Amino acid sequence: MSPHPGRCYNGTTNMDYNSALNYILSFTDYEKTPAQSYSAANFDLRRMHLLLERLGNPHLRARTIHIAGTKGKGSTAAMIASALRQACYHVGLYTSPHLHTMRERIQVNGEMISEHDLIRLVEKLQPEVEAVNRTSGFGTLTTFEVLTALAFACFAELKVDFMALEVGLGGRLDATNVVKPEVCVITAISLDHVDILGHTVAEIALQKAGIIKPGAVVISSPQAPEAETVIRAVCNEKRVKLIVAGKDITWQRLSAGFTGQTFKLQGAAGAYDLTIPLLGSHQMENAAVAVAALEAVGVDGGSIARGLAKVNWPGRLEVLGQRPWVIVDGAHNLDSAQRLAAALKEYFNYKRLALIVGMSYDKNIAGVADALAAVSDSVIATRSRHPRAADPKIIASEFERHGKAVSIAESVPAAYEHARTLAKADDLICATGSLFVVAEMEELLRNLHCDPYPR
């Protein structure tokens, strides 16, 4: 094992980082152009199995906690990985999307993969990827599938004890759904990716429940009744144990402020006094799910408490500045926008809210406007640099339905500059709608030498 936690192996290379990254991005990328249907024609796991077999099945070499859901799966995965590290395990964490660099998606013991090692793993994978694409007969591998295989290869090289894996899309046909998990986690399910996963919560829940495997323990966040019904039915079919947060594991908040929150939690193995540096009542739900998953694999209470207290998961109700408050949050659908609106009022004292909103064209723009228009004093519609960014005029029209006068800015920096002219010291600026907007806000403030506060 390498002495550096993000170093996979040594040797020479003919690639540089940009060419390695370009190779990964050269395949079909459904993050940039979403698939028209969630079917085996677009997501055929047989080609993933073939690739992994050629690599020596690296995905089967570590204990695995697999996390699906509409919201909160990244936060939950980060909490689980943090606590496992505190329990002295070597931990691989795989999440998506990233904020600033693709390397964020693959982390070992809290450190993202280095450029050097990403290059080397791409070189290792390249002939195997091309062989599968040439001979499998199951279609060509996608960017996400190649990146997922790369993560498995990295984790195997480093001999991690555990993998905490966040599903990319759905669950049933997701590239991560080749593992044999000890624990399957399903976080809160709501309407999202409806053109791909289904137009009802029950249909989407069935896709998420596709990660459930015989022999695993299943942990679920509090769900809408139709989602819980589907999850219970699949658990009964697979004959696996289901633990539901809010029923089998409960919590009560003790205190909250802009630096975090404390709460008591009653789990299966005992009671916990917990602190998390993440804001919002939904993060206590995510913590409850994480605790249940950690109990299921035998992590002690002290490690759980230390891990949750030290978790780092930026871009979710994150404070980037004060006077005025500058908050970023990746809310991108109706439910997450409603939670954001409630959390802003709950955690921050301010007079007026200047909302910066930019969204992807395939998201529920009308729903986000429904949730945030009433709590916003001024709205600035913008777009990120991402190819899926919606035209700000479309966003503006949805807020105008609620009687809002909306300004339009063609970039995140322009939107922030305008918001600063509107907001006084006792106001709040919130940038939301997608993690792409969040990332650009963070980059902007870093470039302006305005260090995020607190960090």
Protein backbone atom coordinates (compact mmCIF):
# COMPACT_ATOMS: atom_id res chain seq x y z
CA MET A 1 0.00 0.00 0.00
CA SER A 2 1.25 3.43 -0.89
CA PRO A 3 2.27 5.76 1.94
CA HIS A 4 0.11 8.49 0.42
CA PRO A 5 -3.65 7.90 0.87
CA GLY A 6 -4.47 9.14 -2.62
CA ARG A 7 -1.61 7.39 -4.38
CA CYS A 8 -2.56 4.17 -6.13
CA TYR A 9 0.71 2.94 -7.62
CA ASN A 10 3.99 4.16 -9.09
CA GLY A 11 5.51 4.03 -12.54
CA THR A 12 5.87 6.05 -15.70
CA THR A 13 3.20 7.51 -17.94
CA ASN A 14 2.77 8.90 -21.43
CA MET A 15 -0.41 10.84 -20.61
CA ASP A 16 -0.88 14.16 -18.88
CA TYR A 17 -3.84 14.99 -16.66
CA ASN A 18 -5.83 16.85 -19.31
CA SER A 19 -5.49 14.03 -21.83
CA ALA A 20 -6.55 11.49 -19.18
CA LEU A 21 -9.56 13.61 -18.27
CA ASN A 22 -10.44 14.10 -21.92
CA TYR A 23 -10.34 10.34 -22.42
CA ILE A 24 -12.85 9.81 -19.61
CA LEU A 25 -15.07 12.55 -21.04
CA SER A 26 -14.83 11.25 -24.61
CA PHE A 27 -17.62 8.72 -24.06
CA THR A 28 -21.35 9.26 -23.84
CA ASP A 29 -21.90 11.49 -20.81
CA TYR A 30 -25.47 11.50 -19.48
CA GLU A 31 -24.58 14.22 -16.99
CA LYS A 32 -24.17 16.62 -19.90
CA THR A 33 -26.93 15.24 -22.12
CA PRO A 34 -29.42 13.12 -20.15
CA ALA A 35 -30.53 9.81 -21.61
CA GLN A 36 -34.00 9.70 -23.08
CA SER A 37 -34.87 6.49 -21.27
CA TYR A 38 -33.59 4.56 -18.28
CA SER A 39 -33.31 1.24 -20.04
CA ALA A 40 -30.75 -1.47 -20.68
CA ALA A 41 -30.27 0.01 -24.14
CA ASN A 42 -28.63 3.03 -22.50
CA PHE A 43 -27.48 1.47 -19.21
CA ASP A 44 -26.50 -2.15 -19.87
CA LEU A 45 -24.72 -3.50 -16.78
CA ARG A 46 -23.38 -6.47 -18.73
CA ARG A 47 -20.69 -4.29 -20.26
CA MET A 48 -19.80 -3.03 -16.78
CA HIS A 49 -19.46 -6.59 -15.51
CA LEU A 50 -17.24 -7.48 -18.47
CA LEU A 51 -14.96 -4.51 -17.86
CA LEU A 52 -14.65 -5.27 -14.16
CA GLU A 53 -13.94 -8.94 -14.88
CA ARG A 54 -11.07 -7.89 -17.14
CA LEU A 55 -9.76 -5.77 -14.25
CA GLY A 56 -9.93 -8.66 -11.77
CA ASN A 57 -13.28 -7.71 -10.21
CA PRO A 58 -11.98 -4.89 -8.00
CA HIS A 59 -15.53 -4.03 -6.92
CA LEU A 60 -15.77 -7.23 -4.87
CA ARG A 61 -12.68 -6.73 -2.71
CA ALA A 62 -14.07 -4.48 0.02
CA ARG A 63 -17.06 -4.33 2.32
CA THR A 64 -19.60 -2.03 0.73
CA ILE A 65 -22.32 0.39 1.77
CA HIS A 66 -24.39 1.38 -1.27
CA ILE A 67 -26.43 4.60 -1.15
CA ALA A 68 -29.30 5.57 -3.48
CA GLY A 69 -32.01 8.24 -3.20
CA THR A 70 -33.15 11.54 -4.65
CA LYS A 71 -31.73 13.84 -1.99
CA GLY A 72 -29.13 13.52 0.72
CA LYS A 73 -27.26 10.51 -0.62
CA GLY A 74 -23.98 12.40 -0.96
CA SER A 75 -24.22 13.88 2.54
CA THR A 76 -25.09 10.45 3.93
CA ALA A 77 -22.19 8.79 2.12
CA ALA A 78 -19.81 11.45 3.45
CA MET A 79 -21.05 10.91 7.03
CA ILE A 80 -20.65 7.15 6.72
CA ALA A 81 -17.14 7.46 5.30
CA SER A 82 -16.09 9.95 7.99
CA ALA A 83 -17.24 7.67 10.83
CA LEU A 84 -15.60 4.60 9.27
CA ARG A 85 -12.32 6.52 9.15
CA GLN A 86 -12.68 7.39 12.83
CA ALA A 87 -13.08 3.66 13.47
CA CYS A 88 -9.62 3.20 11.88
CA TYR A 89 -10.82 1.65 8.65
CA HIS A 90 -9.33 2.52 5.26
CA VAL A 91 -12.28 3.96 3.37
CA GLY A 92 -13.03 4.65 -0.27
CA LEU A 93 -15.73 7.24 -0.99
CA TYR A 94 -17.29 7.56 -4.45
CA THR A 95 -19.73 10.40 -5.08
CA SER A 96 -21.12 12.54 -7.90
CA PRO A 97 -21.30 15.14 -9.24
CA HIS A 98 -18.24 17.16 -8.24
CA LEU A 99 -17.97 20.85 -7.45
CA HIS A 100 -14.55 21.84 -8.77
CA THR A 101 -12.62 18.83 -10.06
CA MET A 102 -13.45 15.32 -11.20
CA ARG A 103 -10.94 14.08 -8.64
CA GLU A 104 -13.35 14.96 -5.82
CA ARG A 105 -15.49 11.99 -6.80
CA ILE A 106 -12.87 9.41 -5.80
CA GLN A 107 -11.53 9.81 -2.27
CA VAL A 108 -9.55 7.51 -0.01
CA ASN A 109 -9.31 8.33 3.68
CA GLY A 110 -10.61 11.82 3.02
CA GLU A 111 -8.14 12.71 0.24
CA MET A 112 -9.15 12.89 -3.39
CA ILE A 113 -7.24 10.93 -5.97
CA SER A 114 -4.16 12.75 -7.25
CA GLU A 115 -3.75 13.83 -10.86
CA HIS A 116 -0.80 11.45 -11.11
CA ASP A 117 -2.84 8.45 -10.06
CA LEU A 118 -5.86 9.30 -12.13
CA ILE A 119 -3.56 9.37 -15.17
CA ARG A 120 -2.09 5.98 -14.32
CA LEU A 121 -5.45 4.36 -13.74
CA VAL A 122 -6.78 5.71 -17.03
CA GLU A 123 -3.78 4.15 -18.77
CA LYS A 124 -4.50 0.88 -16.98
CA LEU A 125 -8.17 0.94 -17.97
CA GLN A 126 -7.84 2.20 -21.53
CA PRO A 127 -7.03 -1.11 -23.31
CA GLU A 128 -9.70 -2.93 -21.30
CA VAL A 129 -12.32 -0.28 -22.04
CA GLU A 130 -11.54 -0.43 -25.74
CA ALA A 131 -11.68 -4.22 -25.73
CA VAL A 132 -15.14 -4.21 -24.12
CA ASN A 133 -16.41 -1.55 -26.51
CA ARG A 134 -15.08 -3.48 -29.46
CA THR A 135 -16.27 -6.99 -28.56
CA SER A 136 -19.04 -6.98 -25.95
CA GLY A 137 -22.08 -6.46 -28.16
CA PHE A 138 -23.76 -4.60 -25.27
CA GLY A 139 -23.13 -1.06 -26.45
CA THR A 140 -20.25 1.21 -25.52
CA LEU A 141 -19.25 2.20 -22.02
CA THR A 142 -20.27 5.65 -20.82
CA THR A 143 -18.21 8.29 -19.05
CA PHE A 144 -19.83 7.44 -15.71
CA GLU A 145 -19.22 3.72 -16.20
CA VAL A 146 -15.54 4.27 -16.99
CA LEU A 147 -15.16 6.59 -14.00
CA THR A 148 -16.91 4.09 -11.72
CA ALA A 149 -14.58 1.30 -12.86
CA LEU A 150 -11.64 3.63 -12.26
CA ALA A 151 -12.84 4.23 -8.70
CA PHE A 152 -13.14 0.50 -8.06
CA ALA A 153 -9.64 -0.04 -9.43
CA CYS A 154 -8.23 2.70 -7.21
CA PHE A 155 -9.94 1.33 -4.11
CA ALA A 156 -8.66 -2.17 -4.87
CA GLU A 157 -5.09 -0.90 -5.38
CA LEU A 158 -5.24 0.77 -1.98
CA LYS A 159 -6.87 -2.24 -0.31
CA VAL A 160 -9.61 -0.20 1.31
CA ASP A 161 -11.64 -1.97 3.97
CA PHE A 162 -14.91 -0.25 3.06
CA MET A 163 -16.41 1.47 0.05
CA ALA A 164 -19.17 4.04 0.54
CA LEU A 165 -20.73 4.31 -2.91
CA GLU A 166 -23.24 6.93 -4.00
CA VAL A 167 -25.49 5.91 -6.89
CA GLY A 168 -25.21 8.21 -9.89
CA LEU A 169 -28.73 7.92 -11.33
CA GLY A 170 -31.66 5.82 -10.20
CA GLY A 171 -30.22 2.59 -8.88
CA ARG A 172 -31.41 -0.47 -10.76
CA LEU A 173 -29.29 0.17 -13.87
CA ASP A 174 -26.68 2.46 -12.34
CA ALA A 175 -23.03 1.60 -12.97
CA THR A 176 -22.44 1.19 -9.23
CA ASN A 177 -25.10 -1.52 -9.02
CA VAL A 178 -22.60 -4.32 -9.61
CA VAL A 179 -21.46 -4.56 -6.00
CA LYS A 180 -22.49 -7.00 -3.27
CA PRO A 181 -23.27 -4.62 -0.40
CA GLU A 182 -23.60 -5.37 3.27
CA VAL A 183 -25.87 -2.36 3.67
CA CYS A 184 -28.18 -0.70 1.14
CA VAL A 185 -29.25 2.83 2.00
CA ILE A 186 -32.15 4.67 0.37
CA THR A 187 -32.34 8.35 1.26
CA ALA A 188 -35.37 10.59 0.74
CA ILE A 189 -37.15 10.01 -2.57
CA SER A 190 -39.01 12.73 -4.44
CA LEU A 191 -39.78 13.65 -8.04
CA ASP A 192 -36.59 14.19 -10.03
CA HIS A 193 -35.33 12.96 -13.41
CA VAL A 194 -39.00 12.19 -14.12
CA ASP A 195 -38.47 11.81 -17.87
CA ILE A 196 -35.97 9.04 -17.16
CA LEU A 197 -36.93 7.35 -13.88
CA GLY A 198 -40.72 7.71 -13.87
CA HIS A 199 -43.47 10.26 -13.34
CA THR A 200 -44.59 9.11 -9.88
CA VAL A 201 -42.78 8.72 -6.58
CA ALA A 202 -43.64 5.00 -6.61
CA GLU A 203 -42.07 4.50 -10.04
CA ILE A 204 -38.91 6.33 -8.97
CA ALA A 205 -38.80 4.35 -5.70
CA LEU A 206 -38.82 1.11 -7.67
CA GLN A 207 -35.71 2.25 -9.54
CA LYS A 208 -33.97 3.27 -6.31
CA ALA A 209 -34.92 -0.01 -4.63
CA GLY A 210 -33.14 -1.81 -7.46
CA ILE A 211 -29.94 -1.66 -5.37
CA ILE A 212 -31.43 -3.95 -2.69
CA LYS A 213 -29.63 -7.31 -2.64
CA PRO A 214 -30.33 -10.53 -0.74
CA GLY A 215 -28.26 -10.72 2.44
CA ALA A 216 -27.98 -6.96 2.91
CA VAL A 217 -29.50 -4.77 5.60
CA VAL A 218 -31.65 -1.98 4.13
CA ILE A 219 -31.81 1.45 5.74
CA SER A 220 -34.38 3.98 4.56
CA SER A 221 -34.92 7.66 5.26
CA PRO A 222 -38.46 8.76 6.13
CA GLN A 223 -40.38 8.34 2.88
CA ALA A 224 -43.68 9.31 1.35
CA PRO A 225 -46.14 6.41 1.90
CA GLU A 226 -46.04 5.33 -1.75
CA ALA A 227 -42.23 5.13 -1.68
CA GLU A 228 -42.11 3.24 1.61
CA THR A 229 -44.67 0.75 0.28
CA VAL A 230 -42.44 -0.01 -2.70
CA ILE A 231 -39.29 -0.32 -0.58
CA ARG A 232 -41.02 -2.66 1.91
CA ALA A 233 -42.33 -4.82 -0.92
CA VAL A 234 -38.85 -5.22 -2.42
CA CYS A 235 -37.37 -5.97 1.00
CA ASN A 236 -40.01 -8.64 1.57
CA GLU A 237 -39.31 -10.12 -1.85
CA LYS A 238 -35.55 -10.23 -1.16
CA ARG A 239 -36.14 -11.34 2.46
CA VAL A 240 -33.96 -8.63 3.91
CA LYS A 241 -34.27 -6.54 7.06
CA LEU A 242 -35.57 -2.98 6.68
CA ILE A 243 -34.78 -0.21 9.17
CA VAL A 244 -36.72 3.04 8.70
CA ALA A 245 -35.43 6.29 10.16
CA GLY A 246 -38.12 8.12 12.09
CA LYS A 247 -39.66 4.80 13.14
CA ASP A 248 -36.89 2.40 14.11
CA ILE A 249 -34.38 5.15 14.82
CA THR A 250 -35.41 8.52 16.26
CA TRP A 251 -33.80 11.87 17.09
CA GLN A 252 -34.46 15.18 18.80
CA ARG A 253 -32.59 18.40 18.06
CA LEU A 254 -31.00 20.17 21.03
CA SER A 255 -29.49 23.28 19.47
CA ALA A 256 -28.73 24.83 16.09
CA GLY A 257 -26.78 27.73 14.66
CA PHE A 258 -25.03 28.70 11.48
CA THR A 259 -22.01 26.53 12.38
CA GLY A 260 -24.01 23.33 12.88
CA GLN A 261 -26.49 21.54 15.10
CA THR A 262 -26.60 19.12 18.03
CA PHE A 263 -29.17 16.41 18.68
CA LYS A 264 -29.91 13.23 20.61
CA LEU A 265 -30.43 10.07 18.58
CA GLN A 266 -31.77 6.70 19.66
CA GLY A 267 -30.42 3.91 17.48
CA ALA A 268 -30.64 0.13 17.61
CA ALA A 269 -27.35 -0.15 19.52
CA GLY A 270 -27.88 2.72 21.95
CA ALA A 271 -28.32 6.45 22.42
CA TYR A 272 -26.01 9.10 20.99
CA ASP A 273 -25.30 12.77 21.62
CA LEU A 274 -24.32 14.04 18.18
CA THR A 275 -23.05 17.19 16.53
CA ILE A 276 -22.91 17.79 12.79
CA PRO A 277 -21.49 20.86 11.01
CA LEU A 278 -24.24 20.61 8.36
CA LEU A 279 -27.39 22.71 8.51
CA GLY A 280 -31.04 21.79 7.98
CA SER A 281 -33.42 19.34 9.61
CA HIS A 282 -32.94 17.04 6.63
CA GLN A 283 -29.29 16.60 7.64
CA MET A 284 -30.44 15.09 10.94
CA GLU A 285 -32.48 12.63 8.87
CA ASN A 286 -29.38 11.84 6.83
CA ALA A 287 -27.36 11.43 10.02
CA ALA A 288 -29.95 9.01 11.41
CA VAL A 289 -29.70 6.89 8.27
CA ALA A 290 -25.90 7.03 8.45
CA VAL A 291 -25.94 5.92 12.10
CA ALA A 292 -28.20 2.98 11.30
CA ALA A 293 -25.86 1.91 8.47
CA LEU A 294 -22.81 2.25 10.70
CA GLU A 295 -24.45 0.24 13.48
CA ALA A 296 -25.24 -2.47 10.93
CA VAL A 297 -21.53 -2.93 10.15
CA GLY A 298 -20.49 -2.77 13.81
CA VAL A 299 -19.00 0.71 14.20
CA ASP A 300 -18.75 1.83 17.82
CA GLY A 301 -20.59 4.86 19.19
CA GLY A 302 -17.49 6.95 19.81
CA SER A 303 -16.35 6.62 16.21
CA ILE A 304 -19.84 7.46 14.98
CA ALA A 305 -19.96 10.64 17.09
CA ARG A 306 -16.45 11.75 16.09
CA GLY A 307 -17.06 10.99 12.43
CA LEU A 308 -20.29 12.95 12.21
CA ALA A 309 -18.72 15.90 14.03
CA LYS A 310 -15.89 16.01 11.49
CA VAL A 311 -17.84 15.42 8.28
CA ASN A 312 -17.09 17.81 5.44
CA TRP A 313 -19.64 18.15 2.64
CA PRO A 314 -19.56 21.58 0.96
CA GLY A 315 -22.23 23.19 -1.17
CA ARG A 316 -25.20 22.27 0.99
CA LEU A 317 -26.48 25.20 3.05
CA GLU A 318 -22.90 26.38 3.17
CA VAL A 319 -21.97 29.76 4.61
CA LEU A 320 -19.51 31.62 2.36
CA GLY A 321 -19.73 35.07 3.92
CA GLN A 322 -21.29 37.38 6.47
CA ARG A 323 -22.59 40.97 6.41
CA PRO A 324 -24.38 40.22 4.23
CA TRP A 325 -24.80 36.51 4.68
CA VAL A 326 -23.75 34.62 1.54
CA ILE A 327 -25.22 31.12 1.43
CA VAL A 328 -25.01 28.47 -1.29
CA ASP A 329 -27.15 25.37 -1.59
CA GLY A 330 -27.61 22.84 -4.39
CA ALA A 331 -31.42 22.63 -4.13
CA HIS A 332 -32.68 21.61 -7.56
CA ASN A 333 -36.23 20.32 -7.12
CA LEU A 334 -39.42 21.25 -5.31
CA ASP A 335 -38.77 19.28 -2.14
CA SER A 336 -35.18 20.43 -1.68
CA ALA A 337 -36.17 24.04 -2.42
CA GLN A 338 -38.90 23.85 0.24
CA ARG A 339 -36.33 22.58 2.74
CA LEU A 340 -33.97 25.38 1.78
CA ALA A 341 -36.65 28.02 2.30
CA ALA A 342 -37.44 26.66 5.75
CA ALA A 343 -33.77 26.37 6.74
CA LEU A 344 -32.89 29.94 5.77
CA LYS A 345 -35.57 31.26 8.12
CA GLU A 346 -34.63 28.79 10.83
CA TYR A 347 -30.87 29.31 10.94
CA PHE A 348 -30.24 32.91 9.87
CA ASN A 349 -31.37 36.35 10.98
CA TYR A 350 -31.69 38.76 8.05
CA LYS A 351 -34.00 41.43 6.69
CA ARG A 352 -34.17 40.75 2.96
CA LEU A 353 -33.30 37.79 0.79
CA ALA A 354 -31.60 38.29 -2.57
CA LEU A 355 -31.95 35.02 -4.45
CA ILE A 356 -29.56 33.98 -7.22
CA VAL A 357 -30.98 31.01 -9.08
CA GLY A 358 -29.61 29.01 -12.00
CA MET A 359 -30.86 25.56 -12.94
CA SER A 360 -30.41 22.75 -15.41
CA TYR A 361 -32.99 22.65 -18.17
CA ASP A 362 -34.18 19.15 -17.21
CA LYS A 363 -35.09 20.12 -13.63
CA ASN A 364 -38.39 21.25 -12.14
CA ILE A 365 -37.88 24.99 -12.55
CA ALA A 366 -41.53 25.76 -11.83
CA GLY A 367 -41.41 23.79 -8.58
CA VAL A 368 -38.32 25.59 -7.34
CA ALA A 369 -39.97 28.93 -8.15
CA ASP A 370 -43.08 27.83 -6.27
CA ALA A 371 -40.99 27.11 -3.17
CA LEU A 372 -38.66 30.11 -3.20
CA ALA A 373 -40.59 33.01 -4.72
CA ALA A 374 -42.57 33.80 -1.57
CA VAL A 375 -39.48 34.01 0.66
CA SER A 376 -37.38 36.08 -1.78
CA ASP A 377 -37.33 39.87 -1.84
CA SER A 378 -35.36 40.04 -5.09
CA VAL A 379 -34.56 37.37 -7.68
CA ILE A 380 -31.67 37.20 -10.14
CA ALA A 381 -31.93 34.49 -12.78
CA THR A 382 -28.63 33.28 -14.18
CA ARG A 383 -26.90 30.34 -15.80
CA SER A 384 -23.82 28.29 -14.97
CA ARG A 385 -21.24 27.30 -17.56
CA HIS A 386 -22.58 23.74 -17.63
CA PRO A 387 -24.04 22.51 -20.96
CA ARG A 388 -27.34 21.66 -19.28
CA ALA A 389 -27.85 25.17 -17.90
CA ALA A 390 -31.33 26.56 -18.57
CA ASP A 391 -31.87 29.89 -20.27
CA PRO A 392 -32.24 32.48 -17.46
CA LYS A 393 -35.31 33.87 -19.27
CA ILE A 394 -37.11 30.57 -18.64
CA ILE A 395 -36.23 30.72 -14.95
CA ALA A 396 -37.30 34.37 -14.78
CA SER A 397 -40.68 33.60 -16.32
CA GLU A 398 -41.46 31.03 -13.60
CA PHE A 399 -40.72 33.53 -10.81
CA GLU A 400 -42.65 36.25 -12.65
CA ARG A 401 -45.74 34.01 -12.42
CA HIS A 402 -45.54 34.70 -8.70
CA GLY A 403 -45.48 38.45 -9.25
CA LYS A 404 -41.71 38.80 -8.83
CA ALA A 405 -39.69 41.35 -10.76
CA VAL A 406 -36.68 39.32 -11.87
CA SER A 407 -33.28 40.56 -13.00
CA ILE A 408 -31.36 38.48 -15.54
CA ALA A 409 -27.60 37.94 -15.42
CA GLU A 410 -25.86 35.86 -18.06
CA SER A 411 -23.22 34.51 -15.66
CA VAL A 412 -22.84 33.67 -12.00
CA PRO A 413 -20.24 36.41 -11.42
CA ALA A 414 -22.59 38.98 -12.97
CA ALA A 415 -25.44 37.70 -10.81
CA TYR A 416 -23.37 37.98 -7.65
CA GLU A 417 -22.18 41.48 -8.56
CA HIS A 418 -25.79 42.56 -8.99
CA ALA A 419 -26.84 40.88 -5.73
CA ARG A 420 -24.15 42.82 -3.88
CA THR A 421 -25.65 46.07 -5.10
CA LEU A 422 -29.03 45.01 -3.68
CA ALA A 423 -28.00 43.49 -0.35
CA LYS A 424 -27.14 45.53 2.72
CA ALA A 425 -25.09 44.24 5.65
CA ASP A 426 -28.14 42.78 7.42
CA ASP A 427 -29.48 40.98 4.34
CA LEU A 428 -28.84 37.52 2.92
CA ILE A 429 -27.70 36.43 -0.55
CA CYS A 430 -28.51 32.83 -1.45
CA ALA A 431 -27.27 31.16 -4.64
CA THR A 432 -29.08 27.95 -5.50
CA GLY A 433 -30.70 25.81 -8.20
CA SER A 434 -27.80 23.48 -8.97
CA LEU A 435 -24.41 22.41 -7.69
CA PHE A 436 -22.92 23.95 -10.83
CA VAL A 437 -24.04 27.39 -9.65
CA VAL A 438 -22.73 26.59 -6.16
CA ALA A 439 -19.32 25.62 -7.55
CA GLU A 440 -19.04 28.82 -9.57
CA MET A 441 -19.96 30.91 -6.54
CA GLU A 442 -17.27 29.23 -4.48
CA GLU A 443 -14.70 29.75 -7.24
CA LEU A 444 -15.74 33.38 -7.59
CA LEU A 445 -15.35 34.19 -3.92
CA ARG A 446 -12.02 32.40 -3.78
CA ASN A 447 -10.78 34.45 -6.72
CA LEU A 448 -12.01 37.63 -5.06
CA HIS A 449 -9.90 36.69 -2.02
CA CYS A 450 -13.07 36.45 0.02
CA ASP A 451 -12.34 33.32 1.99
CA PRO A 452 -15.45 31.28 2.84
CA TYR A 453 -16.64 31.78 6.42
CA PRO A 454 -16.67 29.63 8.42
CA ARG A 455 -14.56 26.94 6.79
